[in-house]
Amino acid sequence: MNIACIQETKWMGAKARKIDGYKLCYSGGTRVRNGVGILVDKGLVDRVIEVKCKSDYIMSIKLVVRVKVLNVISGYAPQAGLADHIRRVFWDELEEVIQSLP
């Protein structure tokens, strides 16, 4: 596995750090809930050219693999018990991220 998207990281802030040669990018809110992340394999770490954190539910990375650009989106859909407006915000933000890709 070269790239893994993770959810419920429960980490605050939007950061990227190297861990044992791997690159972990994550996005979390101000409260210790939700959160998404993308873990990139050692062989691809230097190929990450952009990290975008939309919210504690959605983030994306862009990397160059050979001659192609690869966009990876990690999304954590709100749970069914949450208010409708929270779910609508998630889907609207996800649509914005997808539409911003070339």
C-alpha atoms as a PDB file:
ATOM      1  CA  MET A   1       0.000   0.000   0.000  1.00  0.00           C
ATOM      2  CA  ASN A   2       1.473   3.340  -1.044  1.00  0.00           C
ATOM      3  CA  ILE A   3      -1.240   5.785   0.057  1.00  0.00           C
ATOM      4  CA  ALA A   4      -3.775   5.393   2.860  1.00  0.00           C
ATOM      5  CA  CYS A   5      -6.661   7.723   3.703  1.00  0.00           C
ATOM      6  CA  ILE A   6      -7.584   7.720   7.369  1.00  0.00           C
ATOM      7  CA  GLN A   7     -10.557   9.128   9.229  1.00  0.00           C
ATOM      8  CA  GLU A   8     -11.335   9.988  12.857  1.00  0.00           C
ATOM      9  CA  THR A   9      -7.775  11.081  13.508  1.00  0.00           C
ATOM     10  CA  LYS A  10      -9.023  13.365  16.303  1.00  0.00           C
ATOM     11  CA  TRP A  11      -5.936  15.584  15.903  1.00  0.00           C
ATOM     12  CA  MET A  12      -6.274  19.350  15.964  1.00  0.00           C
ATOM     13  CA  GLY A  13      -4.900  21.630  13.266  1.00  0.00           C
ATOM     14  CA  ALA A  14      -3.711  21.095   9.723  1.00  0.00           C
ATOM     15  CA  LYS A  15      -0.180  19.790   9.544  1.00  0.00           C
ATOM     16  CA  ALA A  16       2.196  17.526   7.684  1.00  0.00           C
ATOM     17  CA  ARG A  17       4.992  15.589   9.306  1.00  0.00           C
ATOM     18  CA  LYS A  18       7.394  12.818   8.511  1.00  0.00           C
ATOM     19  CA  ILE A  19       7.202   9.669  10.602  1.00  0.00           C
ATOM     20  CA  ASP A  20       9.808   6.959  10.004  1.00  0.00           C
ATOM     21  CA  GLY A  21      10.236   8.228   6.437  1.00  0.00           C
ATOM     22  CA  TYR A  22       6.491   8.272   5.712  1.00  0.00           C
ATOM     23  CA  LYS A  23       4.611  11.533   5.270  1.00  0.00           C
ATOM     24  CA  LEU A  24       1.436  12.062   7.271  1.00  0.00           C
ATOM     25  CA  CYS A  25      -0.787  14.988   6.314  1.00  0.00           C
ATOM     26  CA  TYR A  26      -3.820  15.640   8.480  1.00  0.00           C
ATOM     27  CA  SER A  27      -6.610  18.109   9.023  1.00  0.00           C
ATOM     28  CA  GLY A  28      -8.631  18.477  12.208  1.00  0.00           C
ATOM     29  CA  GLY A  29     -10.848  21.088  13.753  1.00  0.00           C
ATOM     30  CA  THR A  30     -10.483  22.985  16.991  1.00  0.00           C
ATOM     31  CA  ARG A  31     -12.199  20.229  18.944  1.00  0.00           C
ATOM     32  CA  VAL A  32     -10.770  16.755  19.298  1.00  0.00           C
ATOM     33  CA  ARG A  33     -13.295  15.028  17.021  1.00  0.00           C
ATOM     34  CA  ASN A  34     -13.541  13.964  13.408  1.00  0.00           C
ATOM     35  CA  GLY A  35     -10.364  14.642  11.451  1.00  0.00           C
ATOM     36  CA  VAL A  36      -8.950  13.171   8.248  1.00  0.00           C
ATOM     37  CA  GLY A  37      -5.476  12.290   7.112  1.00  0.00           C
ATOM     38  CA  ILE A  38      -3.472  10.878   4.243  1.00  0.00           C
ATOM     39  CA  LEU A  39      -0.404   8.714   4.823  1.00  0.00           C
ATOM     40  CA  VAL A  40       2.106   8.540   1.974  1.00  0.00           C
ATOM     41  CA  ASP A  41       4.662   5.782   1.482  1.00  0.00           C
ATOM     42  CA  LYS A  42       8.395   6.510   1.774  1.00  0.00           C
ATOM     43  CA  GLY A  43       8.869   6.157  -1.982  1.00  0.00           C
ATOM     44  CA  LEU A  44       6.297   8.863  -2.746  1.00  0.00           C
ATOM     45  CA  VAL A  45       7.100  11.395  -0.008  1.00  0.00           C
ATOM     46  CA  ASP A  46       9.205  13.606  -2.276  1.00  0.00           C
ATOM     47  CA  ARG A  47       6.519  13.543  -4.969  1.00  0.00           C
ATOM     48  CA  VAL A  48       3.874  15.362  -2.886  1.00  0.00           C
ATOM     49  CA  ILE A  49       3.589  18.832  -4.381  1.00  0.00           C
ATOM     50  CA  GLU A  50       0.479  20.203  -2.660  1.00  0.00           C
ATOM     51  CA  VAL A  51      -1.632  19.616   0.438  1.00  0.00           C
ATOM     52  CA  LYS A  52      -5.059  21.250   0.844  1.00  0.00           C
ATOM     53  CA  CYS A  53      -7.068  21.054   4.047  1.00  0.00           C
ATOM     54  CA  LYS A  54     -10.696  21.995   3.403  1.00  0.00           C
ATOM     55  CA  SER A  55     -12.075  21.120   6.851  1.00  0.00           C
ATOM     56  CA  ASP A  56     -11.879  18.466   9.539  1.00  0.00           C
ATOM     57  CA  TYR A  57     -13.943  16.298   7.160  1.00  0.00           C
ATOM     58  CA  ILE A  58     -12.097  16.781   3.838  1.00  0.00           C
ATOM     59  CA  MET A  59      -8.510  17.171   2.648  1.00  0.00           C
ATOM     60  CA  SER A  60      -6.570  16.434  -0.515  1.00  0.00           C
ATOM     61  CA  ILE A  61      -3.027  15.986  -1.713  1.00  0.00           C
ATOM     62  CA  LYS A  62      -1.492  16.289  -5.148  1.00  0.00           C
ATOM     63  CA  LEU A  63       1.543  14.287  -6.172  1.00  0.00           C
ATOM     64  CA  VAL A  64       3.486  13.551  -9.325  1.00  0.00           C
ATOM     65  CA  VAL A  65       3.809   9.866 -10.221  1.00  0.00           C
ATOM     66  CA  ARG A  66       6.024   9.319 -13.246  1.00  0.00           C
ATOM     67  CA  VAL A  67       4.648  11.886 -15.709  1.00  0.00           C
ATOM     68  CA  LYS A  68       1.123  12.087 -14.302  1.00  0.00           C
ATOM     69  CA  VAL A  69      -0.407  14.214 -11.564  1.00  0.00           C
ATOM     70  CA  LEU A  70      -2.426  12.225  -9.009  1.00  0.00           C
ATOM     71  CA  ASN A  71      -4.995  13.861  -6.730  1.00  0.00           C
ATOM     72  CA  VAL A  72      -6.078  11.992  -3.613  1.00  0.00           C
ATOM     73  CA  ILE A  73      -9.062  13.127  -1.529  1.00  0.00           C
ATOM     74  CA  SER A  74      -9.725  11.901   1.990  1.00  0.00           C
ATOM     75  CA  GLY A  75     -13.272  12.493   3.175  1.00  0.00           C
ATOM     76  CA  TYR A  76     -15.097  11.576   6.347  1.00  0.00           C
ATOM     77  CA  ALA A  77     -18.845  11.862   5.861  1.00  0.00           C
ATOM     78  CA  PRO A  78     -20.760  13.109   8.907  1.00  0.00           C
ATOM     79  CA  GLN A  79     -22.602  10.463  10.869  1.00  0.00           C
ATOM     80  CA  ALA A  80     -26.286   9.875  10.183  1.00  0.00           C
ATOM     81  CA  GLY A  81     -27.378  11.338  13.532  1.00  0.00           C
ATOM     82  CA  LEU A  82     -25.973  14.799  12.842  1.00  0.00           C
ATOM     83  CA  ALA A  83     -28.072  17.730  11.658  1.00  0.00           C
ATOM     84  CA  ASP A  84     -28.981  17.998   7.982  1.00  0.00           C
ATOM     85  CA  HIS A  85     -27.096  21.281   7.549  1.00  0.00           C
ATOM     86  CA  ILE A  86     -23.839  19.629   8.676  1.00  0.00           C
ATOM     87  CA  ARG A  87     -24.266  16.885   6.075  1.00  0.00           C
ATOM     88  CA  ARG A  88     -25.109  19.495   3.412  1.00  0.00           C
ATOM     89  CA  VAL A  89     -21.960  21.464   4.238  1.00  0.00           C
ATOM     90  CA  PHE A  90     -19.885  18.281   3.843  1.00  0.00           C
ATOM     91  CA  TRP A  91     -21.346  17.489   0.415  1.00  0.00           C
ATOM     92  CA  ASP A  92     -20.979  21.119  -0.736  1.00  0.00           C
ATOM     93  CA  GLU A  93     -17.336  21.220   0.389  1.00  0.00           C
ATOM     94  CA  LEU A  94     -16.602  17.879  -1.280  1.00  0.00           C
ATOM     95  CA  GLU A  95     -18.140  19.181  -4.511  1.00  0.00           C
ATOM     96  CA  GLU A  96     -15.928  22.300  -4.297  1.00  0.00           C
ATOM     97  CA  VAL A  97     -12.792  20.183  -3.880  1.00  0.00           C
ATOM     98  CA  ILE A  98     -13.717  17.923  -6.797  1.00  0.00           C
ATOM     99  CA  GLN A  99     -14.576  20.887  -9.042  1.00  0.00           C
ATOM    100  CA  SER A 100     -11.232  22.540  -8.247  1.00  0.00           C
ATOM    101  CA  LEU A 101      -9.302  19.598  -9.700  1.00  0.00           C
ATOM    102  CA  PRO A 102      -8.072  19.842 -13.299  1.00  0.00           C
END
